Amino acid sequence: MPEHEVPESLVRVLALEGDGQTRTDEDIFVGHTPAQSRGRVFGGQVLGQSVIAASRTVEGERPIHSMHGYFLRPGDVKVPITFGVERLRDGRSFSARRVHAYQNGKPILSMIASFQEPAEGLEHQVQMPQGIPEPESLPTTAEVIGKINHPVAREWAYKRPFDIRYIDKPLYFEAPTGDARKASNAIWMKSYEALPDDQSLHRAALAFGSDYTLLESVLRRHGLPWITPGMSVASLDHAMWWHRDVRVDDWLLYVQESPSSSGARGLGQGRFFTRDGVLVATVAQEGMVRVPTDTKSKLIGGVQARLMRAAIKHEQKR
């Protein structure tokens, strides 16, 4: 990794300002967005920060076990995000919180989260897929696209706080063909930095990382790389269930599939496994996936895609 390229710190991004004491009917916290090439806030960041905000209002040992959120508006990277947490319920074993993330007085995310005291009960899980290559045998994102002189490529290669390694060929620039056009995707991922031994932080960090690549099972099924001319992809909602304790600074296998796409929307589902096969979380997300059909958009997008591919080939020859 180049010396001047440093991944964003998860601990710093998830460190919210405020102690929740500034209240009307909500506990108030403030989060910030690291500088990035795109003008929109990454949805996973808002999810992770919302989990931290809600967790700060729950007393005792009650880690988050589920959350359901809707992305209402795109976030602006230049504007701080205010998180308002409403304490819906504190029972004997469970607590419920509602979180709204605001910018300029308008909500960009609405979430409800549930927390539970640890308890004994029935245990079972699906098995981790077999025959998966070890993460150390797979190329890093930097090795795949780090030499490309494009701000988004360099941001993905060097600025993300997660080391992401694809099991199948990535969808950055090349369209999958033949048997590779399948409604599934899988990656290994872990945070670059070691994280403190704090389940609230690790579970928030997992929410952050769960928004990466989840809709690629939709794109892969339809043979669409990320540079598809004029294509627009956006997360609409996000649901997550934490089944067991997790460490995000250890390798996790993120197995994804898409059972359906219709109406310009695609559904992605994912499971997180530890390296030794323990299922730690399940994720579901519906996203908007629009591929233009008008001639003008196709022409403009086609020119942009050809320029990008030419730049890629040039860098690969160097």
C-alpha atoms as a PDB file:
ATOM      1  CA  MET A   1       0.000   0.000   0.000  1.00  0.00           C
ATOM      2  CA  PRO A   2       1.476   3.426  -0.921  1.00  0.00           C
ATOM      3  CA  GLU A   3       2.761   5.360   2.085  1.00  0.00           C
ATOM      4  CA  HIS A   4       0.388   8.285   1.493  1.00  0.00           C
ATOM      5  CA  GLU A   5      -2.661   6.027   1.206  1.00  0.00           C
ATOM      6  CA  VAL A   6      -4.088   5.153   4.627  1.00  0.00           C
ATOM      7  CA  PRO A   7      -7.386   3.274   5.143  1.00  0.00           C
ATOM      8  CA  GLU A   8     -10.036   5.079   7.136  1.00  0.00           C
ATOM      9  CA  SER A   9     -10.100   4.196  10.836  1.00  0.00           C
ATOM     10  CA  LEU A  10     -13.281   2.376  11.824  1.00  0.00           C
ATOM     11  CA  VAL A  11     -12.806   3.439  15.434  1.00  0.00           C
ATOM     12  CA  ARG A  12     -12.593   7.102  14.409  1.00  0.00           C
ATOM     13  CA  VAL A  13     -15.564   6.962  12.012  1.00  0.00           C
ATOM     14  CA  LEU A  14     -17.739   5.211  14.611  1.00  0.00           C
ATOM     15  CA  ALA A  15     -16.733   7.585  17.430  1.00  0.00           C
ATOM     16  CA  LEU A  16     -19.758   9.873  17.762  1.00  0.00           C
ATOM     17  CA  GLU A  17     -19.792  13.197  19.551  1.00  0.00           C
ATOM     18  CA  GLY A  18     -22.165  13.766  22.442  1.00  0.00           C
ATOM     19  CA  ASP A  19     -23.105  11.796  25.525  1.00  0.00           C
ATOM     20  CA  GLY A  20     -26.828  11.561  24.821  1.00  0.00           C
ATOM     21  CA  GLN A  21     -27.620  14.136  27.496  1.00  0.00           C
ATOM     22  CA  THR A  22     -28.819  16.759  25.001  1.00  0.00           C
ATOM     23  CA  ARG A  23     -32.428  15.628  24.880  1.00  0.00           C
ATOM     24  CA  THR A  24     -35.920  16.574  23.896  1.00  0.00           C
ATOM     25  CA  ASP A  25     -37.570  13.192  23.518  1.00  0.00           C
ATOM     26  CA  GLU A  26     -34.366  11.841  21.930  1.00  0.00           C
ATOM     27  CA  ASP A  27     -30.740  11.223  22.891  1.00  0.00           C
ATOM     28  CA  ILE A  28     -28.599  13.237  20.471  1.00  0.00           C
ATOM     29  CA  PHE A  29     -25.233  12.288  18.949  1.00  0.00           C
ATOM     30  CA  VAL A  30     -23.228  13.691  16.033  1.00  0.00           C
ATOM     31  CA  GLY A  31     -21.126  11.802  13.491  1.00  0.00           C
ATOM     32  CA  HIS A  32     -18.817  12.876  10.697  1.00  0.00           C
ATOM     33  CA  THR A  33     -17.883  11.467   7.295  1.00  0.00           C
ATOM     34  CA  PRO A  34     -14.273  10.981   6.112  1.00  0.00           C
ATOM     35  CA  ALA A  35     -13.255  12.846   2.969  1.00  0.00           C
ATOM     36  CA  GLN A  36     -13.998  10.828  -0.169  1.00  0.00           C
ATOM     37  CA  SER A  37     -14.212  11.221  -3.921  1.00  0.00           C
ATOM     38  CA  ARG A  38     -17.980  10.813  -4.116  1.00  0.00           C
ATOM     39  CA  GLY A  39     -20.404  13.365  -2.731  1.00  0.00           C
ATOM     40  CA  ARG A  40     -22.693  10.814  -1.077  1.00  0.00           C
ATOM     41  CA  VAL A  41     -22.207   9.172   2.293  1.00  0.00           C
ATOM     42  CA  PHE A  42     -21.681   5.411   2.152  1.00  0.00           C
ATOM     43  CA  GLY A  43     -24.806   3.740   3.537  1.00  0.00           C
ATOM     44  CA  GLY A  44     -22.843   1.282   5.648  1.00  0.00           C
ATOM     45  CA  GLN A  45     -21.247   4.161   7.519  1.00  0.00           C
ATOM     46  CA  VAL A  46     -24.658   5.541   8.534  1.00  0.00           C
ATOM     47  CA  LEU A  47     -25.788   2.053   9.579  1.00  0.00           C
ATOM     48  CA  GLY A  48     -22.722   1.570  11.766  1.00  0.00           C
ATOM     49  CA  GLN A  49     -22.995   5.009  13.332  1.00  0.00           C
ATOM     50  CA  SER A  50     -26.705   4.463  14.023  1.00  0.00           C
ATOM     51  CA  VAL A  51     -25.924   1.178  15.792  1.00  0.00           C
ATOM     52  CA  ILE A  52     -23.329   2.958  17.953  1.00  0.00           C
ATOM     53  CA  ALA A  53     -25.780   5.759  18.795  1.00  0.00           C
ATOM     54  CA  ALA A  54     -28.509   3.313  19.813  1.00  0.00           C
ATOM     55  CA  SER A  55     -26.068   1.136  21.783  1.00  0.00           C
ATOM     56  CA  ARG A  56     -24.949   4.110  23.862  1.00  0.00           C
ATOM     57  CA  THR A  57     -28.451   4.480  25.281  1.00  0.00           C
ATOM     58  CA  VAL A  58     -28.756   0.845  26.418  1.00  0.00           C
ATOM     59  CA  GLU A  59     -27.537   0.053  29.923  1.00  0.00           C
ATOM     60  CA  GLY A  60     -25.886  -3.173  31.025  1.00  0.00           C
ATOM     61  CA  GLU A  61     -24.845  -6.116  28.866  1.00  0.00           C
ATOM     62  CA  ARG A  62     -27.474  -5.985  26.137  1.00  0.00           C
ATOM     63  CA  PRO A  63     -25.808  -6.199  22.724  1.00  0.00           C
ATOM     64  CA  ILE A  64     -27.782  -5.460  19.582  1.00  0.00           C
ATOM     65  CA  HIS A  65     -29.307  -8.570  17.997  1.00  0.00           C
ATOM     66  CA  SER A  66     -31.369  -7.085  15.149  1.00  0.00           C
ATOM     67  CA  MET A  67     -32.052  -3.901  13.234  1.00  0.00           C
ATOM     68  CA  HIS A  68     -34.270  -2.837  10.353  1.00  0.00           C
ATOM     69  CA  GLY A  69     -33.583   0.420   8.542  1.00  0.00           C
ATOM     70  CA  TYR A  70     -34.689   2.447   5.537  1.00  0.00           C
ATOM     71  CA  PHE A  71     -32.450   4.780   3.549  1.00  0.00           C
ATOM     72  CA  LEU A  72     -34.662   7.822   2.976  1.00  0.00           C
ATOM     73  CA  ARG A  73     -32.306  10.312   1.317  1.00  0.00           C
ATOM     74  CA  PRO A  74     -28.701  10.306   0.095  1.00  0.00           C
ATOM     75  CA  GLY A  75     -26.279  11.690   2.673  1.00  0.00           C
ATOM     76  CA  ASP A  76     -23.939  14.620   1.943  1.00  0.00           C
ATOM     77  CA  VAL A  77     -20.300  13.930   2.880  1.00  0.00           C
ATOM     78  CA  LYS A  78     -19.725  17.608   3.738  1.00  0.00           C
ATOM     79  CA  VAL A  79     -22.510  17.830   6.335  1.00  0.00           C
ATOM     80  CA  PRO A  80     -22.309  16.328   9.865  1.00  0.00           C
ATOM     81  CA  ILE A  81     -24.926  13.690  10.660  1.00  0.00           C
ATOM     82  CA  THR A  82     -27.108  14.114  13.751  1.00  0.00           C
ATOM     83  CA  PHE A  83     -28.446  10.921  15.310  1.00  0.00           C
ATOM     84  CA  GLY A  84     -31.607  11.076  17.404  1.00  0.00           C
ATOM     85  CA  VAL A  85     -32.312   7.986  19.513  1.00  0.00           C
ATOM     86  CA  GLU A  86     -35.756   7.364  21.008  1.00  0.00           C
ATOM     87  CA  ARG A  87     -35.955   4.879  23.884  1.00  0.00           C
ATOM     88  CA  LEU A  88     -38.996   2.856  22.880  1.00  0.00           C
ATOM     89  CA  ARG A  89     -38.823   0.186  25.572  1.00  0.00           C
ATOM     90  CA  ASP A  90     -36.615  -1.296  28.283  1.00  0.00           C
ATOM     91  CA  GLY A  91     -37.940  -4.656  29.453  1.00  0.00           C
ATOM     92  CA  ARG A  92     -36.509  -7.371  31.662  1.00  0.00           C
ATOM     93  CA  SER A  93     -34.497  -8.929  28.823  1.00  0.00           C
ATOM     94  CA  PHE A  94     -34.974  -6.759  25.732  1.00  0.00           C
ATOM     95  CA  SER A  95     -34.608  -3.080  24.843  1.00  0.00           C
ATOM     96  CA  ALA A  96     -35.886  -1.356  21.699  1.00  0.00           C
ATOM     97  CA  ARG A  97     -34.598   1.853  20.145  1.00  0.00           C
ATOM     98  CA  ARG A  98     -35.625   3.974  17.194  1.00  0.00           C
ATOM     99  CA  VAL A  99     -32.851   5.944  15.458  1.00  0.00           C
ATOM    100  CA  HIS A 100     -33.190   8.742  12.932  1.00  0.00           C
ATOM    101  CA  ALA A 101     -30.100  10.072  11.164  1.00  0.00           C
ATOM    102  CA  TYR A 102     -30.569  13.707  10.128  1.00  0.00           C
ATOM    103  CA  GLN A 103     -28.841  16.161   7.808  1.00  0.00           C
ATOM    104  CA  ASN A 104     -30.100  19.715   7.404  1.00  0.00           C
ATOM    105  CA  GLY A 105     -33.097  18.831   9.559  1.00  0.00           C
ATOM    106  CA  LYS A 106     -34.290  15.983   7.320  1.00  0.00           C
ATOM    107  CA  PRO A 107     -33.946  12.246   8.011  1.00  0.00           C
ATOM    108  CA  ILE A 108     -31.609  10.288   5.742  1.00  0.00           C
ATOM    109  CA  LEU A 109     -32.066   6.986   7.618  1.00  0.00           C
ATOM    110  CA  SER A 110     -34.770   5.581   9.882  1.00  0.00           C
ATOM    111  CA  MET A 111     -33.974   2.480  11.926  1.00  0.00           C
ATOM    112  CA  ILE A 112     -35.439   0.361  14.713  1.00  0.00           C
ATOM    113  CA  ALA A 113     -33.006  -1.807  16.683  1.00  0.00           C
ATOM    114  CA  SER A 114     -33.469  -4.439  19.378  1.00  0.00           C
ATOM    115  CA  PHE A 115     -31.059  -5.405  22.170  1.00  0.00           C
ATOM    116  CA  GLN A 116     -31.066  -8.490  24.381  1.00  0.00           C
ATOM    117  CA  GLU A 117     -29.326  -9.734  27.493  1.00  0.00           C
ATOM    118  CA  PRO A 118     -27.322 -12.931  26.821  1.00  0.00           C
ATOM    119  CA  ALA A 119     -29.469 -16.037  27.328  1.00  0.00           C
ATOM    120  CA  GLU A 120     -29.229 -19.808  26.980  1.00  0.00           C
ATOM    121  CA  GLY A 121     -31.481 -21.563  24.475  1.00  0.00           C
ATOM    122  CA  LEU A 122     -31.776 -23.775  21.399  1.00  0.00           C
ATOM    123  CA  GLU A 123     -28.781 -23.798  19.046  1.00  0.00           C
ATOM    124  CA  HIS A 124     -28.418 -24.642  15.354  1.00  0.00           C
ATOM    125  CA  GLN A 125     -27.040 -22.998  12.209  1.00  0.00           C
ATOM    126  CA  VAL A 126     -26.576 -23.553   8.481  1.00  0.00           C
ATOM    127  CA  GLN A 127     -23.185 -24.864   7.484  1.00  0.00           C
ATOM    128  CA  MET A 128     -20.464 -22.734   5.960  1.00  0.00           C
ATOM    129  CA  PRO A 129     -19.847 -23.471   2.243  1.00  0.00           C
ATOM    130  CA  GLN A 130     -17.011 -25.899   1.589  1.00  0.00           C
ATOM    131  CA  GLY A 131     -14.067 -25.578  -0.791  1.00  0.00           C
ATOM    132  CA  ILE A 132     -13.599 -21.828  -0.281  1.00  0.00           C
ATOM    133  CA  PRO A 133     -10.030 -20.566  -0.923  1.00  0.00           C
ATOM    134  CA  GLU A 134      -8.171 -19.140   2.072  1.00  0.00           C
ATOM    135  CA  PRO A 135      -8.154 -15.311   2.140  1.00  0.00           C
ATOM    136  CA  GLU A 136      -4.344 -15.154   2.058  1.00  0.00           C
ATOM    137  CA  SER A 137      -4.403 -16.878  -1.348  1.00  0.00           C
ATOM    138  CA  LEU A 138      -6.624 -14.195  -2.900  1.00  0.00           C
ATOM    139  CA  PRO A 139      -5.566 -10.770  -4.244  1.00  0.00           C
ATOM    140  CA  THR A 140      -6.316  -7.610  -2.291  1.00  0.00           C
ATOM    141  CA  THR A 141      -8.433  -4.856  -3.797  1.00  0.00           C
ATOM    142  CA  ALA A 142      -5.269  -2.760  -4.091  1.00  0.00           C
ATOM    143  CA  GLU A 143      -3.595  -5.499  -6.118  1.00  0.00           C
ATOM    144  CA  VAL A 144      -6.591  -5.643  -8.466  1.00  0.00           C
ATOM    145  CA  ILE A 145      -7.330  -1.945  -9.066  1.00  0.00           C
ATOM    146  CA  GLY A 146      -4.758   0.032  -7.053  1.00  0.00           C
ATOM    147  CA  LYS A 147      -2.750   1.146 -10.094  1.00  0.00           C
ATOM    148  CA  ILE A 148      -5.715   2.617 -11.930  1.00  0.00           C
ATOM    149  CA  ASN A 149      -5.521   6.400 -12.004  1.00  0.00           C
ATOM    150  CA  HIS A 150      -9.127   7.100 -11.085  1.00  0.00           C
ATOM    151  CA  PRO A 151     -10.379   8.571  -7.782  1.00  0.00           C
ATOM    152  CA  VAL A 152     -13.020   5.896  -7.181  1.00  0.00           C
ATOM    153  CA  ALA A 153     -10.588   3.073  -7.946  1.00  0.00           C
ATOM    154  CA  ARG A 154      -8.000   4.511  -5.568  1.00  0.00           C
ATOM    155  CA  GLU A 155     -10.620   5.077  -2.877  1.00  0.00           C
ATOM    156  CA  TRP A 156     -11.829   1.483  -3.098  1.00  0.00           C
ATOM    157  CA  ALA A 157      -8.264   0.190  -3.173  1.00  0.00           C
ATOM    158  CA  TYR A 158      -6.767   2.230  -0.335  1.00  0.00           C
ATOM    159  CA  LYS A 159      -9.332   4.198   1.660  1.00  0.00           C
ATOM    160  CA  ARG A 160     -11.908   1.621   2.703  1.00  0.00           C
ATOM    161  CA  PRO A 161     -11.440   0.479   6.309  1.00  0.00           C
ATOM    162  CA  PHE A 162     -11.906  -3.164   5.269  1.00  0.00           C
ATOM    163  CA  ASP A 163      -9.620  -5.607   3.480  1.00  0.00           C
ATOM    164  CA  ILE A 164     -11.972  -7.187   0.913  1.00  0.00           C
ATOM    165  CA  ARG A 165     -10.952 -10.212  -1.160  1.00  0.00           C
ATOM    166  CA  TYR A 166     -13.228 -11.764  -3.773  1.00  0.00           C
ATOM    167  CA  ILE A 167     -13.769 -15.499  -4.147  1.00  0.00           C
ATOM    168  CA  ASP A 168     -15.005 -15.045  -7.732  1.00  0.00           C
ATOM    169  CA  LYS A 169     -13.680 -12.510 -10.208  1.00  0.00           C
ATOM    170  CA  PRO A 170     -14.652  -8.976  -9.092  1.00  0.00           C
ATOM    171  CA  LEU A 171     -17.273  -6.982 -10.973  1.00  0.00           C
ATOM    172  CA  TYR A 172     -15.295  -3.745 -11.095  1.00  0.00           C
ATOM    173  CA  PHE A 173     -14.786  -3.553 -14.860  1.00  0.00           C
ATOM    174  CA  GLU A 174     -15.497  -6.870 -16.565  1.00  0.00           C
ATOM    175  CA  ALA A 175     -18.920  -8.412 -17.193  1.00  0.00           C
ATOM    176  CA  PRO A 176     -19.342 -12.002 -15.990  1.00  0.00           C
ATOM    177  CA  THR A 177     -20.232 -14.470 -18.733  1.00  0.00           C
ATOM    178  CA  GLY A 178     -21.390 -18.067 -18.973  1.00  0.00           C
ATOM    179  CA  ASP A 179     -21.466 -19.935 -15.667  1.00  0.00           C
ATOM    180  CA  ALA A 180     -20.123 -16.820 -13.902  1.00  0.00           C
ATOM    181  CA  ARG A 181     -23.530 -15.175 -14.406  1.00  0.00           C
ATOM    182  CA  LYS A 182     -24.987 -16.549 -11.193  1.00  0.00           C
ATOM    183  CA  ALA A 183     -27.125 -14.955  -8.489  1.00  0.00           C
ATOM    184  CA  SER A 184     -24.457 -15.364  -5.831  1.00  0.00           C
ATOM    185  CA  ASN A 185     -21.280 -13.695  -4.638  1.00  0.00           C
ATOM    186  CA  ALA A 186     -18.764 -14.288  -1.855  1.00  0.00           C
ATOM    187  CA  ILE A 187     -15.903 -12.376  -0.279  1.00  0.00           C
ATOM    188  CA  TRP A 188     -13.517 -12.578   2.646  1.00  0.00           C
ATOM    189  CA  MET A 189     -13.328  -9.378   4.679  1.00  0.00           C
ATOM    190  CA  LYS A 190     -11.843  -7.971   7.880  1.00  0.00           C
ATOM    191  CA  SER A 191     -10.953  -4.560   9.241  1.00  0.00           C
ATOM    192  CA  TYR A 192      -7.431  -3.309   8.575  1.00  0.00           C
ATOM    193  CA  GLU A 193      -7.022  -2.111  12.140  1.00  0.00           C
ATOM    194  CA  ALA A 194      -7.237  -4.114  15.344  1.00  0.00           C
ATOM    195  CA  LEU A 195     -10.368  -3.125  17.275  1.00  0.00           C
ATOM    196  CA  PRO A 196     -10.910  -2.918  21.042  1.00  0.00           C
ATOM    197  CA  ASP A 197     -12.616  -5.837  22.773  1.00  0.00           C
ATOM    198  CA  ASP A 198     -16.067  -4.201  22.657  1.00  0.00           C
ATOM    199  CA  GLN A 199     -19.025  -6.085  21.155  1.00  0.00           C
ATOM    200  CA  SER A 200     -20.966  -2.864  20.534  1.00  0.00           C
ATOM    201  CA  LEU A 201     -18.101  -1.623  18.364  1.00  0.00           C
ATOM    202  CA  HIS A 202     -17.598  -4.931  16.539  1.00  0.00           C
ATOM    203  CA  ARG A 203     -21.308  -5.307  15.801  1.00  0.00           C
ATOM    204  CA  ALA A 204     -21.516  -1.716  14.558  1.00  0.00           C
ATOM    205  CA  ALA A 205     -18.441  -2.305  12.397  1.00  0.00           C
ATOM    206  CA  LEU A 206     -20.069  -5.421  10.950  1.00  0.00           C
ATOM    207  CA  ALA A 207     -23.155  -3.365  10.060  1.00  0.00           C
ATOM    208  CA  PHE A 208     -20.804  -0.896   8.340  1.00  0.00           C
ATOM    209  CA  GLY A 209     -19.114  -3.637   6.311  1.00  0.00           C
ATOM    210  CA  SER A 210     -22.315  -5.521   5.504  1.00  0.00           C
ATOM    211  CA  ASP A 211     -23.309  -2.854   2.965  1.00  0.00           C
ATOM    212  CA  TYR A 212     -20.285  -3.675   0.782  1.00  0.00           C
ATOM    213  CA  THR A 213     -20.943  -5.932  -2.248  1.00  0.00           C
ATOM    214  CA  LEU A 214     -24.353  -7.229  -1.070  1.00  0.00           C
ATOM    215  CA  LEU A 215     -26.163  -6.235  -4.274  1.00  0.00           C
ATOM    216  CA  GLU A 216     -23.429  -7.728  -6.454  1.00  0.00           C
ATOM    217  CA  SER A 217     -25.328 -11.019  -6.444  1.00  0.00           C
ATOM    218  CA  VAL A 218     -27.994  -9.144  -8.436  1.00  0.00           C
ATOM    219  CA  LEU A 219     -25.477  -7.591 -10.838  1.00  0.00           C
ATOM    220  CA  ARG A 220     -23.583 -10.847 -11.330  1.00  0.00           C
ATOM    221  CA  ARG A 221     -26.765 -12.705 -12.286  1.00  0.00           C
ATOM    222  CA  HIS A 222     -27.442 -10.194 -15.073  1.00  0.00           C
ATOM    223  CA  GLY A 223     -23.862  -9.849 -16.318  1.00  0.00           C
ATOM    224  CA  LEU A 224     -23.453  -6.247 -15.146  1.00  0.00           C
ATOM    225  CA  PRO A 225     -20.088  -4.837 -14.014  1.00  0.00           C
ATOM    226  CA  TRP A 226     -19.961  -1.647 -11.963  1.00  0.00           C
ATOM    227  CA  ILE A 227     -18.971   0.430 -15.003  1.00  0.00           C
ATOM    228  CA  THR A 228     -22.091  -0.589 -16.949  1.00  0.00           C
ATOM    229  CA  PRO A 229     -22.984   2.552 -18.970  1.00  0.00           C
ATOM    230  CA  GLY A 230     -25.511   4.705 -17.118  1.00  0.00           C
ATOM    231  CA  MET A 231     -26.339   2.094 -14.475  1.00  0.00           C
ATOM    232  CA  SER A 232     -27.615   3.422 -11.145  1.00  0.00           C
ATOM    233  CA  VAL A 233     -27.528   1.337  -7.939  1.00  0.00           C
ATOM    234  CA  ALA A 234     -28.735   2.489  -4.511  1.00  0.00           C
ATOM    235  CA  SER A 235     -29.600   0.737  -1.245  1.00  0.00           C
ATOM    236  CA  LEU A 236     -33.261   1.121  -0.247  1.00  0.00           C
ATOM    237  CA  ASP A 237     -33.349  -0.697   3.071  1.00  0.00           C
ATOM    238  CA  HIS A 238     -31.211  -2.935   5.269  1.00  0.00           C
ATOM    239  CA  ALA A 239     -32.011  -5.607   7.834  1.00  0.00           C
ATOM    240  CA  MET A 240     -29.505  -7.449   9.998  1.00  0.00           C
ATOM    241  CA  TRP A 241     -29.523 -10.121  12.681  1.00  0.00           C
ATOM    242  CA  TRP A 242     -26.503 -10.786  14.906  1.00  0.00           C
ATOM    243  CA  HIS A 243     -26.604 -14.417  16.050  1.00  0.00           C
ATOM    244  CA  ARG A 244     -23.377 -14.660  18.037  1.00  0.00           C
ATOM    245  CA  ASP A 245     -20.447 -12.553  19.200  1.00  0.00           C
ATOM    246  CA  VAL A 246     -18.120 -11.486  16.405  1.00  0.00           C
ATOM    247  CA  ARG A 247     -14.682  -9.986  15.857  1.00  0.00           C
ATOM    248  CA  VAL A 248     -14.499  -7.859  12.731  1.00  0.00           C
ATOM    249  CA  ASP A 249     -10.692  -7.705  12.886  1.00  0.00           C
ATOM    250  CA  ASP A 250     -10.586 -11.454  12.120  1.00  0.00           C
ATOM    251  CA  TRP A 251     -11.372 -12.851   8.675  1.00  0.00           C
ATOM    252  CA  LEU A 252     -15.097 -13.310   7.961  1.00  0.00           C
ATOM    253  CA  LEU A 253     -16.623 -15.069   4.969  1.00  0.00           C
ATOM    254  CA  TYR A 254     -19.535 -13.066   3.530  1.00  0.00           C
ATOM    255  CA  VAL A 255     -21.698 -15.372   1.382  1.00  0.00           C
ATOM    256  CA  GLN A 256     -24.372 -13.599  -0.676  1.00  0.00           C
ATOM    257  CA  GLU A 257     -27.249 -14.546  -2.961  1.00  0.00           C
ATOM    258  CA  SER A 258     -30.168 -12.889  -4.721  1.00  0.00           C
ATOM    259  CA  PRO A 259     -33.484 -14.779  -4.786  1.00  0.00           C
ATOM    260  CA  SER A 260     -35.243 -12.193  -6.971  1.00  0.00           C
ATOM    261  CA  SER A 261     -35.070  -8.963  -8.937  1.00  0.00           C
ATOM    262  CA  SER A 262     -38.069  -7.147 -10.421  1.00  0.00           C
ATOM    263  CA  GLY A 263     -39.508  -3.667 -10.810  1.00  0.00           C
ATOM    264  CA  ALA A 264     -36.011  -2.085 -10.988  1.00  0.00           C
ATOM    265  CA  ARG A 265     -35.287  -3.560  -7.535  1.00  0.00           C
ATOM    266  CA  GLY A 266     -33.074  -6.445  -6.511  1.00  0.00           C
ATOM    267  CA  LEU A 267     -32.982  -8.376  -3.241  1.00  0.00           C
ATOM    268  CA  GLY A 268     -29.665  -9.418  -1.745  1.00  0.00           C
ATOM    269  CA  GLN A 269     -29.220 -11.765   1.206  1.00  0.00           C
ATOM    270  CA  GLY A 270     -25.978 -12.523   3.015  1.00  0.00           C
ATOM    271  CA  ARG A 271     -24.466 -14.606   5.799  1.00  0.00           C
ATOM    272  CA  PHE A 272     -21.295 -13.938   7.776  1.00  0.00           C
ATOM    273  CA  PHE A 273     -19.211 -16.904   8.920  1.00  0.00           C
ATOM    274  CA  THR A 274     -16.058 -16.934  11.014  1.00  0.00           C
ATOM    275  CA  ARG A 275     -13.062 -18.688   9.559  1.00  0.00           C
ATOM    276  CA  ASP A 276     -13.883 -21.829  11.542  1.00  0.00           C
ATOM    277  CA  GLY A 277     -17.477 -21.933  10.272  1.00  0.00           C
ATOM    278  CA  VAL A 278     -19.520 -20.188  12.975  1.00  0.00           C
ATOM    279  CA  LEU A 279     -22.506 -18.230  11.619  1.00  0.00           C
ATOM    280  CA  VAL A 280     -22.370 -14.817  13.306  1.00  0.00           C
ATOM    281  CA  ALA A 281     -24.863 -12.705  11.325  1.00  0.00           C
ATOM    282  CA  THR A 282     -27.462 -12.667   8.554  1.00  0.00           C
ATOM    283  CA  VAL A 283     -28.234  -9.676   6.322  1.00  0.00           C
ATOM    284  CA  ALA A 284     -30.938  -8.728   3.803  1.00  0.00           C
ATOM    285  CA  GLN A 285     -31.159  -5.663   1.595  1.00  0.00           C
ATOM    286  CA  GLU A 286     -33.308  -4.462  -1.282  1.00  0.00           C
ATOM    287  CA  GLY A 287     -31.686  -2.076  -3.707  1.00  0.00           C
ATOM    288  CA  MET A 288     -32.686  -0.023  -6.703  1.00  0.00           C
ATOM    289  CA  VAL A 289     -30.915  -1.202  -9.856  1.00  0.00           C
ATOM    290  CA  ARG A 290     -31.642   0.841 -12.962  1.00  0.00           C
ATOM    291  CA  VAL A 291     -30.041   0.199 -16.330  1.00  0.00           C
ATOM    292  CA  PRO A 292     -30.849   2.914 -18.917  1.00  0.00           C
ATOM    293  CA  THR A 293     -32.685   1.998 -22.078  1.00  0.00           C
ATOM    294  CA  ASP A 294     -32.633   5.383 -23.870  1.00  0.00           C
ATOM    295  CA  THR A 295     -30.072   5.922 -26.630  1.00  0.00           C
ATOM    296  CA  LYS A 296     -28.523   9.122 -25.199  1.00  0.00           C
ATOM    297  CA  SER A 297     -27.702   7.581 -21.833  1.00  0.00           C
ATOM    298  CA  LYS A 298     -26.296   4.489 -23.510  1.00  0.00           C
ATOM    299  CA  LEU A 299     -24.043   6.578 -25.763  1.00  0.00           C
ATOM    300  CA  ILE A 300     -22.745   8.786 -22.940  1.00  0.00           C
ATOM    301  CA  GLY A 301     -22.237   5.837 -20.641  1.00  0.00           C
ATOM    302  CA  GLY A 302     -20.598   3.840 -23.409  1.00  0.00           C
ATOM    303  CA  VAL A 303     -18.007   6.550 -24.020  1.00  0.00           C
ATOM    304  CA  GLN A 304     -17.248   6.757 -20.295  1.00  0.00           C
ATOM    305  CA  ALA A 305     -16.902   2.977 -20.055  1.00  0.00           C
ATOM    306  CA  ARG A 306     -14.547   2.824 -23.056  1.00  0.00           C
ATOM    307  CA  LEU A 307     -12.357   5.560 -21.583  1.00  0.00           C
ATOM    308  CA  MET A 308     -12.214   3.690 -18.280  1.00  0.00           C
ATOM    309  CA  ARG A 309     -11.329   0.391 -19.953  1.00  0.00           C
ATOM    310  CA  ALA A 310      -8.605   2.106 -21.997  1.00  0.00           C
ATOM    311  CA  ALA A 311      -7.146   3.572 -18.802  1.00  0.00           C
ATOM    312  CA  ILE A 312      -7.234   0.144 -17.157  1.00  0.00           C
ATOM    313  CA  LYS A 313      -5.420  -1.536 -20.058  1.00  0.00           C
ATOM    314  CA  HIS A 314      -2.814   1.229 -20.064  1.00  0.00           C
ATOM    315  CA  GLU A 315      -2.130   0.800 -16.354  1.00  0.00           C
ATOM    316  CA  GLN A 316      -1.986  -2.991 -16.641  1.00  0.00           C
ATOM    317  CA  LYS A 317       0.746  -2.734 -19.291  1.00  0.00           C
ATOM    318  CA  ARG A 318       2.931  -0.502 -17.111  1.00  0.00           C
END
